[in-house]
mmCIF file of all heavy atoms, coordinates in Angstrom:
data_MODEL
# 
_entry.id   MODEL 
# 
loop_
_atom_site.group_PDB 
_atom_site.id 
_atom_site.type_symbol 
_atom_site.label_atom_id 
_atom_site.label_alt_id 
_atom_site.label_comp_id 
_atom_site.label_asym_id 
_atom_site.label_entity_id 
_atom_site.label_seq_id 
_atom_site.pdbx_PDB_ins_code 
_atom_site.Cartn_x 
_atom_site.Cartn_y 
_atom_site.Cartn_z 
_atom_site.occupancy 
_atom_site.B_iso_or_equiv 
_atom_site.pdbx_formal_charge 
_atom_site.auth_seq_id 
_atom_site.auth_comp_id 
_atom_site.auth_asym_id 
_atom_site.auth_atom_id 
_atom_site.pdbx_PDB_model_num 
ATOM 1   N N   . ILE A 1 1  ? -102.968 158.418 116.203 1.00 0.00 ? 1  ILE A N   1 
ATOM 2   C CA  . ILE A 1 1  ? -102.052 157.620 117.027 1.00 0.00 ? 1  ILE A CA  1 
ATOM 3   C C   . ILE A 1 1  ? -102.802 157.080 118.238 1.00 0.00 ? 1  ILE A C   1 
ATOM 4   O O   . ILE A 1 1  ? -102.682 155.896 118.585 1.00 0.00 ? 1  ILE A O   1 
ATOM 5   C CB  . ILE A 1 1  ? -100.829 158.455 117.452 1.00 0.00 ? 1  ILE A CB  1 
ATOM 6   C CG1 . ILE A 1 1  ? -99.949  158.755 116.239 1.00 0.00 ? 1  ILE A CG1 1 
ATOM 7   C CG2 . ILE A 1 1  ? -100.030 157.746 118.543 1.00 0.00 ? 1  ILE A CG2 1 
ATOM 8   C CD1 . ILE A 1 1  ? -98.881  159.811 116.486 1.00 0.00 ? 1  ILE A CD1 1 
ATOM 9   N N   . ALA A 1 2  ? -103.601 157.914 118.888 1.00 0.00 ? 2  ALA A N   1 
ATOM 10  C CA  . ALA A 1 2  ? -104.374 157.490 120.061 1.00 0.00 ? 2  ALA A CA  1 
ATOM 11  C C   . ALA A 1 2  ? -105.342 156.366 119.696 1.00 0.00 ? 2  ALA A C   1 
ATOM 12  O O   . ALA A 1 2  ? -105.492 155.391 120.448 1.00 0.00 ? 2  ALA A O   1 
ATOM 13  C CB  . ALA A 1 2  ? -105.120 158.675 120.664 1.00 0.00 ? 2  ALA A CB  1 
ATOM 14  N N   . PHE A 1 3  ? -106.004 156.476 118.542 1.00 0.00 ? 3  PHE A N   1 
ATOM 15  C CA  . PHE A 1 3  ? -106.928 155.443 118.085 1.00 0.00 ? 3  PHE A CA  1 
ATOM 16  C C   . PHE A 1 3  ? -106.191 154.114 117.917 1.00 0.00 ? 3  PHE A C   1 
ATOM 17  O O   . PHE A 1 3  ? -106.618 153.080 118.445 1.00 0.00 ? 3  PHE A O   1 
ATOM 18  C CB  . PHE A 1 3  ? -107.570 155.868 116.761 1.00 0.00 ? 3  PHE A CB  1 
ATOM 19  C CG  . PHE A 1 3  ? -108.441 154.810 116.139 1.00 0.00 ? 3  PHE A CG  1 
ATOM 20  C CD1 . PHE A 1 3  ? -109.754 154.652 116.535 1.00 0.00 ? 3  PHE A CD1 1 
ATOM 21  C CD2 . PHE A 1 3  ? -107.941 153.973 115.149 1.00 0.00 ? 3  PHE A CD2 1 
ATOM 22  C CE1 . PHE A 1 3  ? -110.561 153.673 115.969 1.00 0.00 ? 3  PHE A CE1 1 
ATOM 23  C CE2 . PHE A 1 3  ? -108.733 153.001 114.572 1.00 0.00 ? 3  PHE A CE2 1 
ATOM 24  C CZ  . PHE A 1 3  ? -110.048 152.844 114.985 1.00 0.00 ? 3  PHE A CZ  1 
ATOM 25  N N   . LEU A 1 4  ? -105.090 154.124 117.182 1.00 0.00 ? 4  LEU A N   1 
ATOM 26  C CA  . LEU A 1 4  ? -104.363 152.886 116.916 1.00 0.00 ? 4  LEU A CA  1 
ATOM 27  C C   . LEU A 1 4  ? -103.772 152.277 118.185 1.00 0.00 ? 4  LEU A C   1 
ATOM 28  O O   . LEU A 1 4  ? -103.802 151.065 118.366 1.00 0.00 ? 4  LEU A O   1 
ATOM 29  C CB  . LEU A 1 4  ? -103.276 153.132 115.870 1.00 0.00 ? 4  LEU A CB  1 
ATOM 30  C CG  . LEU A 1 4  ? -103.809 153.375 114.463 1.00 0.00 ? 4  LEU A CG  1 
ATOM 31  C CD1 . LEU A 1 4  ? -102.698 153.870 113.540 1.00 0.00 ? 4  LEU A CD1 1 
ATOM 32  C CD2 . LEU A 1 4  ? -104.457 152.119 113.899 1.00 0.00 ? 4  LEU A CD2 1 
ATOM 33  N N   . GLN A 1 5  ? -103.271 153.108 119.092 1.00 0.00 ? 5  GLN A N   1 
ATOM 34  C CA  . GLN A 1 5  ? -102.697 152.564 120.321 1.00 0.00 ? 5  GLN A CA  1 
ATOM 35  C C   . GLN A 1 5  ? -103.771 152.101 121.297 1.00 0.00 ? 5  GLN A C   1 
ATOM 36  O O   . GLN A 1 5  ? -103.525 151.192 122.091 1.00 0.00 ? 5  GLN A O   1 
ATOM 37  C CB  . GLN A 1 5  ? -101.746 153.558 120.958 1.00 0.00 ? 5  GLN A CB  1 
ATOM 38  C CG  . GLN A 1 5  ? -100.452 153.650 120.167 1.00 0.00 ? 5  GLN A CG  1 
ATOM 39  C CD  . GLN A 1 5  ? -99.391  154.521 120.797 1.00 0.00 ? 5  GLN A CD  1 
ATOM 40  O OE1 . GLN A 1 5  ? -99.687  155.567 121.351 1.00 0.00 ? 5  GLN A OE1 1 
ATOM 41  N NE2 . GLN A 1 5  ? -98.153  154.087 120.683 1.00 0.00 ? 5  GLN A NE2 1 
ATOM 42  N N   . ALA A 1 6  ? -104.980 152.669 121.249 1.00 0.00 ? 6  ALA A N   1 
ATOM 43  C CA  . ALA A 1 6  ? -106.084 152.155 122.069 1.00 0.00 ? 6  ALA A CA  1 
ATOM 44  C C   . ALA A 1 6  ? -106.472 150.764 121.593 1.00 0.00 ? 6  ALA A C   1 
ATOM 45  O O   . ALA A 1 6  ? -106.751 149.873 122.394 1.00 0.00 ? 6  ALA A O   1 
ATOM 46  C CB  . ALA A 1 6  ? -107.280 153.094 122.002 1.00 0.00 ? 6  ALA A CB  1 
ATOM 47  N N   . ALA A 1 7  ? -106.471 150.568 120.286 1.00 0.00 ? 7  ALA A N   1 
ATOM 48  C CA  . ALA A 1 7  ? -106.827 149.270 119.719 1.00 0.00 ? 7  ALA A CA  1 
ATOM 49  C C   . ALA A 1 7  ? -105.711 148.255 119.880 1.00 0.00 ? 7  ALA A C   1 
ATOM 50  O O   . ALA A 1 7  ? -105.955 147.081 120.170 1.00 0.00 ? 7  ALA A O   1 
ATOM 51  C CB  . ALA A 1 7  ? -107.170 149.425 118.239 1.00 0.00 ? 7  ALA A CB  1 
ATOM 52  N N   . MET A 1 8  ? -104.476 148.691 119.675 1.00 0.00 ? 8  MET A N   1 
ATOM 53  C CA  . MET A 1 8  ? -103.328 147.792 119.673 1.00 0.00 ? 8  MET A CA  1 
ATOM 54  C C   . MET A 1 8  ? -102.193 148.400 120.496 1.00 0.00 ? 8  MET A C   1 
ATOM 55  O O   . MET A 1 8  ? -101.300 149.050 119.955 1.00 0.00 ? 8  MET A O   1 
ATOM 56  C CB  . MET A 1 8  ? -102.886 147.533 118.229 1.00 0.00 ? 8  MET A CB  1 
ATOM 57  C CG  . MET A 1 8  ? -103.976 146.809 117.455 1.00 0.00 ? 8  MET A CG  1 
ATOM 58  S SD  . MET A 1 8  ? -103.751 146.847 115.688 1.00 0.00 ? 8  MET A SD  1 
ATOM 59  C CE  . MET A 1 8  ? -103.927 148.590 115.354 1.00 0.00 ? 8  MET A CE  1 
ATOM 60  N N   . PRO A 1 9  ? -102.244 148.216 121.810 1.00 0.00 ? 9  PRO A N   1 
ATOM 61  C CA  . PRO A 1 9  ? -101.227 148.825 122.678 1.00 0.00 ? 9  PRO A CA  1 
ATOM 62  C C   . PRO A 1 9  ? -99.794  148.409 122.355 1.00 0.00 ? 9  PRO A C   1 
ATOM 63  O O   . PRO A 1 9  ? -98.850  149.090 122.745 1.00 0.00 ? 9  PRO A O   1 
ATOM 64  C CB  . PRO A 1 9  ? -101.625 148.362 124.085 1.00 0.00 ? 9  PRO A CB  1 
ATOM 65  C CG  . PRO A 1 9  ? -103.070 148.005 123.975 1.00 0.00 ? 9  PRO A CG  1 
ATOM 66  C CD  . PRO A 1 9  ? -103.271 147.518 122.570 1.00 0.00 ? 9  PRO A CD  1 
ATOM 67  N N   . ASP A 1 10 ? -99.636  147.301 121.629 1.00 0.00 ? 10 ASP A N   1 
ATOM 68  C CA  . ASP A 1 10 ? -98.285  146.865 121.263 1.00 0.00 ? 10 ASP A CA  1 
ATOM 69  C C   . ASP A 1 10 ? -97.710  147.661 120.092 1.00 0.00 ? 10 ASP A C   1 
ATOM 70  O O   . ASP A 1 10 ? -96.527  147.564 119.795 1.00 0.00 ? 10 ASP A O   1 
ATOM 71  C CB  . ASP A 1 10 ? -98.264  145.365 120.936 1.00 0.00 ? 10 ASP A CB  1 
ATOM 72  C CG  . ASP A 1 10 ? -99.186  144.992 119.783 1.00 0.00 ? 10 ASP A CG  1 
ATOM 73  O OD1 . ASP A 1 10 ? -100.314 145.519 119.730 1.00 0.00 ? 10 ASP A OD1 1 
ATOM 74  O OD2 . ASP A 1 10 ? -98.786  144.166 118.945 1.00 0.00 ? 10 ASP A OD2 1 
ATOM 75  N N   . PHE A 1 11 ? -98.529  148.470 119.433 1.00 0.00 ? 11 PHE A N   1 
ATOM 76  C CA  . PHE A 1 11 ? -98.030  149.332 118.363 1.00 0.00 ? 11 PHE A CA  1 
ATOM 77  C C   . PHE A 1 11 ? -97.220  150.470 118.973 1.00 0.00 ? 11 PHE A C   1 
ATOM 78  O O   . PHE A 1 11 ? -97.677  151.145 119.884 1.00 0.00 ? 11 PHE A O   1 
ATOM 79  C CB  . PHE A 1 11 ? -99.181  149.922 117.547 1.00 0.00 ? 11 PHE A CB  1 
ATOM 80  C CG  . PHE A 1 11 ? -99.579  149.101 116.350 1.00 0.00 ? 11 PHE A CG  1 
ATOM 81  C CD1 . PHE A 1 11 ? -99.438  147.731 116.328 1.00 0.00 ? 11 PHE A CD1 1 
ATOM 82  C CD2 . PHE A 1 11 ? -100.112 149.723 115.244 1.00 0.00 ? 11 PHE A CD2 1 
ATOM 83  C CE1 . PHE A 1 11 ? -99.813  146.977 115.223 1.00 0.00 ? 11 PHE A CE1 1 
ATOM 84  C CE2 . PHE A 1 11 ? -100.500 148.992 114.132 1.00 0.00 ? 11 PHE A CE2 1 
ATOM 85  C CZ  . PHE A 1 11 ? -100.344 147.622 114.121 1.00 0.00 ? 11 PHE A CZ  1 
ATOM 86  N N   . SER A 1 12 ? -96.034  150.676 118.449 1.00 0.00 ? 12 SER A N   1 
ATOM 87  C CA  . SER A 1 12 ? -95.206  151.791 118.925 1.00 0.00 ? 12 SER A CA  1 
ATOM 88  C C   . SER A 1 12 ? -94.822  152.659 117.735 1.00 0.00 ? 12 SER A C   1 
ATOM 89  O O   . SER A 1 12 ? -94.916  152.250 116.579 1.00 0.00 ? 12 SER A O   1 
ATOM 90  C CB  . SER A 1 12 ? -93.959  151.270 119.643 1.00 0.00 ? 12 SER A CB  1 
ATOM 91  O OG  . SER A 1 12 ? -93.179  150.489 118.759 1.00 0.00 ? 12 SER A OG  1 
ATOM 92  N N   . ILE A 1 13 ? -94.386  153.852 118.043 1.00 0.00 ? 13 ILE A N   1 
ATOM 93  C CA  . ILE A 1 13 ? -93.956  154.784 117.004 1.00 0.00 ? 13 ILE A CA  1 
ATOM 94  C C   . ILE A 1 13 ? -92.557  154.387 116.559 1.00 0.00 ? 13 ILE A C   1 
ATOM 95  O O   . ILE A 1 13 ? -91.617  154.405 117.340 1.00 0.00 ? 13 ILE A O   1 
ATOM 96  C CB  . ILE A 1 13 ? -94.016  156.238 117.512 1.00 0.00 ? 13 ILE A CB  1 
ATOM 97  C CG1 . ILE A 1 13 ? -95.469  156.607 117.807 1.00 0.00 ? 13 ILE A CG1 1 
ATOM 98  C CG2 . ILE A 1 13 ? -93.391  157.181 116.492 1.00 0.00 ? 13 ILE A CG2 1 
ATOM 99  C CD1 . ILE A 1 13 ? -95.662  157.952 118.449 1.00 0.00 ? 13 ILE A CD1 1 
ATOM 100 N N   . ARG A 1 14 ? -92.450  154.000 115.299 1.00 0.00 ? 14 ARG A N   1 
ATOM 101 C CA  . ARG A 1 14 ? -91.164  153.581 114.721 1.00 0.00 ? 14 ARG A CA  1 
ATOM 102 C C   . ARG A 1 14 ? -90.341  154.772 114.272 1.00 0.00 ? 14 ARG A C   1 
ATOM 103 O O   . ARG A 1 14 ? -89.124  154.719 114.251 1.00 0.00 ? 14 ARG A O   1 
ATOM 104 C CB  . ARG A 1 14 ? -91.407  152.675 113.516 1.00 0.00 ? 14 ARG A CB  1 
ATOM 105 C CG  . ARG A 1 14 ? -92.043  151.360 113.836 1.00 0.00 ? 14 ARG A CG  1 
ATOM 106 C CD  . ARG A 1 14 ? -92.483  150.586 112.604 1.00 0.00 ? 14 ARG A CD  1 
ATOM 107 N NE  . ARG A 1 14 ? -91.596  150.700 111.469 1.00 0.00 ? 14 ARG A NE  1 
ATOM 108 C CZ  . ARG A 1 14 ? -91.275  149.702 110.662 1.00 0.00 ? 14 ARG A CZ  1 
ATOM 109 N NH1 . ARG A 1 14 ? -91.763  148.512 110.868 1.00 0.00 ? 14 ARG A NH1 1 
ATOM 110 N NH2 . ARG A 1 14 ? -90.492  149.893 109.617 1.00 0.00 ? 14 ARG A NH2 1 
ATOM 111 N N   . GLY A 1 15 ? -91.008  155.829 113.872 1.00 0.00 ? 15 GLY A N   1 
ATOM 112 C CA  . GLY A 1 15 ? -90.345  157.033 113.406 1.00 0.00 ? 15 GLY A CA  1 
ATOM 113 C C   . GLY A 1 15 ? -91.375  158.121 113.233 1.00 0.00 ? 15 GLY A C   1 
ATOM 114 O O   . GLY A 1 15 ? -92.562  157.844 113.042 1.00 0.00 ? 15 GLY A O   1 
ATOM 115 N N   . GLU A 1 16 ? -90.937  159.368 113.325 1.00 0.00 ? 16 GLU A N   1 
ATOM 116 C CA  . GLU A 1 16 ? -91.850  160.494 113.144 1.00 0.00 ? 16 GLU A CA  1 
ATOM 117 C C   . GLU A 1 16 ? -91.049  161.731 112.792 1.00 0.00 ? 16 GLU A C   1 
ATOM 118 O O   . GLU A 1 16 ? -89.849  161.801 113.023 1.00 0.00 ? 16 GLU A O   1 
ATOM 119 C CB  . GLU A 1 16 ? -92.703  160.730 114.387 1.00 0.00 ? 16 GLU A CB  1 
ATOM 120 C CG  . GLU A 1 16 ? -91.907  161.065 115.636 1.00 0.00 ? 16 GLU A CG  1 
ATOM 121 C CD  . GLU A 1 16 ? -92.790  161.124 116.869 1.00 0.00 ? 16 GLU A CD  1 
ATOM 122 O OE1 . GLU A 1 16 ? -93.959  161.520 116.764 1.00 0.00 ? 16 GLU A OE1 1 
ATOM 123 O OE2 . GLU A 1 16 ? -92.289  160.779 117.949 1.00 0.00 ? 16 GLU A OE2 1 
ATOM 124 N N   . GLY A 1 17 ? -91.740  162.701 112.236 1.00 0.00 ? 17 GLY A N   1 
ATOM 125 C CA  . GLY A 1 17 ? -91.079  163.936 111.868 1.00 0.00 ? 17 GLY A CA  1 
ATOM 126 C C   . GLY A 1 17 ? -92.064  164.888 111.225 1.00 0.00 ? 17 GLY A C   1 
ATOM 127 O O   . GLY A 1 17 ? -93.274  164.661 111.236 1.00 0.00 ? 17 GLY A O   1 
ATOM 128 N N   . SER A 1 18 ? -91.536  165.951 110.680 1.00 0.00 ? 18 SER A N   1 
ATOM 129 C CA  . SER A 1 18 ? -92.393  166.915 109.994 1.00 0.00 ? 18 SER A CA  1 
ATOM 130 C C   . SER A 1 18 ? -91.540  167.732 109.035 1.00 0.00 ? 18 SER A C   1 
ATOM 131 O O   . SER A 1 18 ? -90.319  167.785 109.153 1.00 0.00 ? 18 SER A O   1 
ATOM 132 C CB  . SER A 1 18 ? -93.103  167.832 110.989 1.00 0.00 ? 18 SER A CB  1 
ATOM 133 O OG  . SER A 1 18 ? -92.173  168.592 111.712 1.00 0.00 ? 18 SER A OG  1 
ATOM 134 N N   . ASN A 1 19 ? -92.219  168.343 108.087 1.00 0.00 ? 19 ASN A N   1 
ATOM 135 C CA  . ASN A 1 19 ? -91.579  169.296 107.200 1.00 0.00 ? 19 ASN A CA  1 
ATOM 136 C C   . ASN A 1 19 ? -92.528  170.481 107.067 1.00 0.00 ? 19 ASN A C   1 
ATOM 137 O O   . ASN A 1 19 ? -93.501  170.585 107.811 1.00 0.00 ? 19 ASN A O   1 
ATOM 138 C CB  . ASN A 1 19 ? -91.237  168.650 105.844 1.00 0.00 ? 19 ASN A CB  1 
ATOM 139 C CG  . ASN A 1 19 ? -92.447  168.099 105.130 1.00 0.00 ? 19 ASN A CG  1 
ATOM 140 O OD1 . ASN A 1 19 ? -93.564  168.603 105.262 1.00 0.00 ? 19 ASN A OD1 1 
ATOM 141 N ND2 . ASN A 1 19 ? -92.243  167.045 104.356 1.00 0.00 ? 19 ASN A ND2 1 
ATOM 142 N N   . GLU A 1 20 ? -92.283  171.359 106.113 1.00 0.00 ? 20 GLU A N   1 
ATOM 143 C CA  . GLU A 1 20 ? -93.121  172.557 105.994 1.00 0.00 ? 20 GLU A CA  1 
ATOM 144 C C   . GLU A 1 20 ? -94.553  172.233 105.575 1.00 0.00 ? 20 GLU A C   1 
ATOM 145 O O   . GLU A 1 20 ? -95.458  173.042 105.762 1.00 0.00 ? 20 GLU A O   1 
ATOM 146 C CB  . GLU A 1 20 ? -92.504  173.571 105.029 1.00 0.00 ? 20 GLU A CB  1 
ATOM 147 C CG  . GLU A 1 20 ? -92.228  173.065 103.629 1.00 0.00 ? 20 GLU A CG  1 
ATOM 148 C CD  . GLU A 1 20 ? -90.949  172.242 103.496 1.00 0.00 ? 20 GLU A CD  1 
ATOM 149 O OE1 . GLU A 1 20 ? -90.092  172.264 104.399 1.00 0.00 ? 20 GLU A OE1 1 
ATOM 150 O OE2 . GLU A 1 20 ? -90.827  171.547 102.476 1.00 0.00 ? 20 GLU A OE2 1 
ATOM 151 N N   . GLU A 1 21 ? -94.793  171.047 105.041 1.00 0.00 ? 21 GLU A N   1 
ATOM 152 C CA  . GLU A 1 21 ? -96.128  170.690 104.569 1.00 0.00 ? 21 GLU A CA  1 
ATOM 153 C C   . GLU A 1 21 ? -96.923  169.823 105.537 1.00 0.00 ? 21 GLU A C   1 
ATOM 154 O O   . GLU A 1 21 ? -98.138  169.946 105.613 1.00 0.00 ? 21 GLU A O   1 
ATOM 155 C CB  . GLU A 1 21 ? -96.036  169.955 103.229 1.00 0.00 ? 21 GLU A CB  1 
ATOM 156 C CG  . GLU A 1 21 ? -95.531  170.825 102.110 1.00 0.00 ? 21 GLU A CG  1 
ATOM 157 C CD  . GLU A 1 21 ? -95.464  170.066 100.800 1.00 0.00 ? 21 GLU A CD  1 
ATOM 158 O OE1 . GLU A 1 21 ? -95.970  168.930 100.719 1.00 0.00 ? 21 GLU A OE1 1 
ATOM 159 O OE2 . GLU A 1 21 ? -94.896  170.626 99.847  1.00 0.00 ? 21 GLU A OE2 1 
ATOM 160 N N   . ARG A 1 22 ? -96.259  168.928 106.258 1.00 0.00 ? 22 ARG A N   1 
ATOM 161 C CA  . ARG A 1 22 ? -97.017  167.978 107.069 1.00 0.00 ? 22 ARG A CA  1 
ATOM 162 C C   . ARG A 1 22 ? -96.152  167.309 108.124 1.00 0.00 ? 22 ARG A C   1 
ATOM 163 O O   . ARG A 1 22 ? -94.936  167.224 107.983 1.00 0.00 ? 22 ARG A O   1 
ATOM 164 C CB  . ARG A 1 22 ? -97.665  166.917 106.195 1.00 0.00 ? 22 ARG A CB  1 
ATOM 165 C CG  . ARG A 1 22 ? -96.683  166.012 105.478 1.00 0.00 ? 22 ARG A CG  1 
ATOM 166 C CD  . ARG A 1 22 ? -97.341  164.972 104.586 1.00 0.00 ? 22 ARG A CD  1 
ATOM 167 N NE  . ARG A 1 22 ? -98.230  165.546 103.619 1.00 0.00 ? 22 ARG A NE  1 
ATOM 168 C CZ  . ARG A 1 22 ? -97.939  165.760 102.344 1.00 0.00 ? 22 ARG A CZ  1 
ATOM 169 N NH1 . ARG A 1 22 ? -96.758  165.435 101.886 1.00 0.00 ? 22 ARG A NH1 1 
ATOM 170 N NH2 . ARG A 1 22 ? -98.798  166.294 101.520 1.00 0.00 ? 22 ARG A NH2 1 
ATOM 171 N N   . ALA A 1 23 ? -96.856  166.822 109.148 1.00 0.00 ? 23 ALA A N   1 
ATOM 172 C CA  . ALA A 1 23 ? -96.225  165.947 110.133 1.00 0.00 ? 23 ALA A CA  1 
ATOM 173 C C   . ALA A 1 23 ? -96.531  164.511 109.724 1.00 0.00 ? 23 ALA A C   1 
ATOM 174 O O   . ALA A 1 23 ? -97.524  164.238 109.053 1.00 0.00 ? 23 ALA A O   1 
ATOM 175 C CB  . ALA A 1 23 ? -96.782  166.237 111.525 1.00 0.00 ? 23 ALA A CB  1 
ATOM 176 N N   . TRP A 1 24 ? -95.677  163.579 110.126 1.00 0.00 ? 24 TRP A N   1 
ATOM 177 C CA  . TRP A 1 24 ? -95.883  162.187 109.772 1.00 0.00 ? 24 TRP A CA  1 
ATOM 178 C C   . TRP A 1 24 ? -95.444  161.283 110.911 1.00 0.00 ? 24 TRP A C   1 
ATOM 179 O O   . TRP A 1 24 ? -94.712  161.698 111.813 1.00 0.00 ? 24 TRP A O   1 
ATOM 180 C CB  . TRP A 1 24 ? -95.127  161.822 108.493 1.00 0.00 ? 24 TRP A CB  1 
ATOM 181 C CG  . TRP A 1 24 ? -93.628  161.963 108.627 1.00 0.00 ? 24 TRP A CG  1 
ATOM 182 C CD1 . TRP A 1 24 ? -92.880  163.081 108.409 1.00 0.00 ? 24 TRP A CD1 1 
ATOM 183 C CD2 . TRP A 1 24 ? -92.717  160.947 109.063 1.00 0.00 ? 24 TRP A CD2 1 
ATOM 184 N NE1 . TRP A 1 24 ? -91.552  162.837 108.672 1.00 0.00 ? 24 TRP A NE1 1 
ATOM 185 C CE2 . TRP A 1 24 ? -91.433  161.517 109.068 1.00 0.00 ? 24 TRP A CE2 1 
ATOM 186 C CE3 . TRP A 1 24 ? -92.861  159.621 109.436 1.00 0.00 ? 24 TRP A CE3 1 
ATOM 187 C CZ2 . TRP A 1 24 ? -90.295  160.798 109.449 1.00 0.00 ? 24 TRP A CZ2 1 
ATOM 188 C CZ3 . TRP A 1 24 ? -91.729  158.898 109.809 1.00 0.00 ? 24 TRP A CZ3 1 
ATOM 189 C CH2 . TRP A 1 24 ? -90.459  159.502 109.804 1.00 0.00 ? 24 TRP A CH2 1 
# 
């Protein structure tokens, strides 16, 4: 996330979450 937002500050998190296997 830090990499993408450093390159493109206009990118925002549209959605996020996690389950027992992974965060997304």
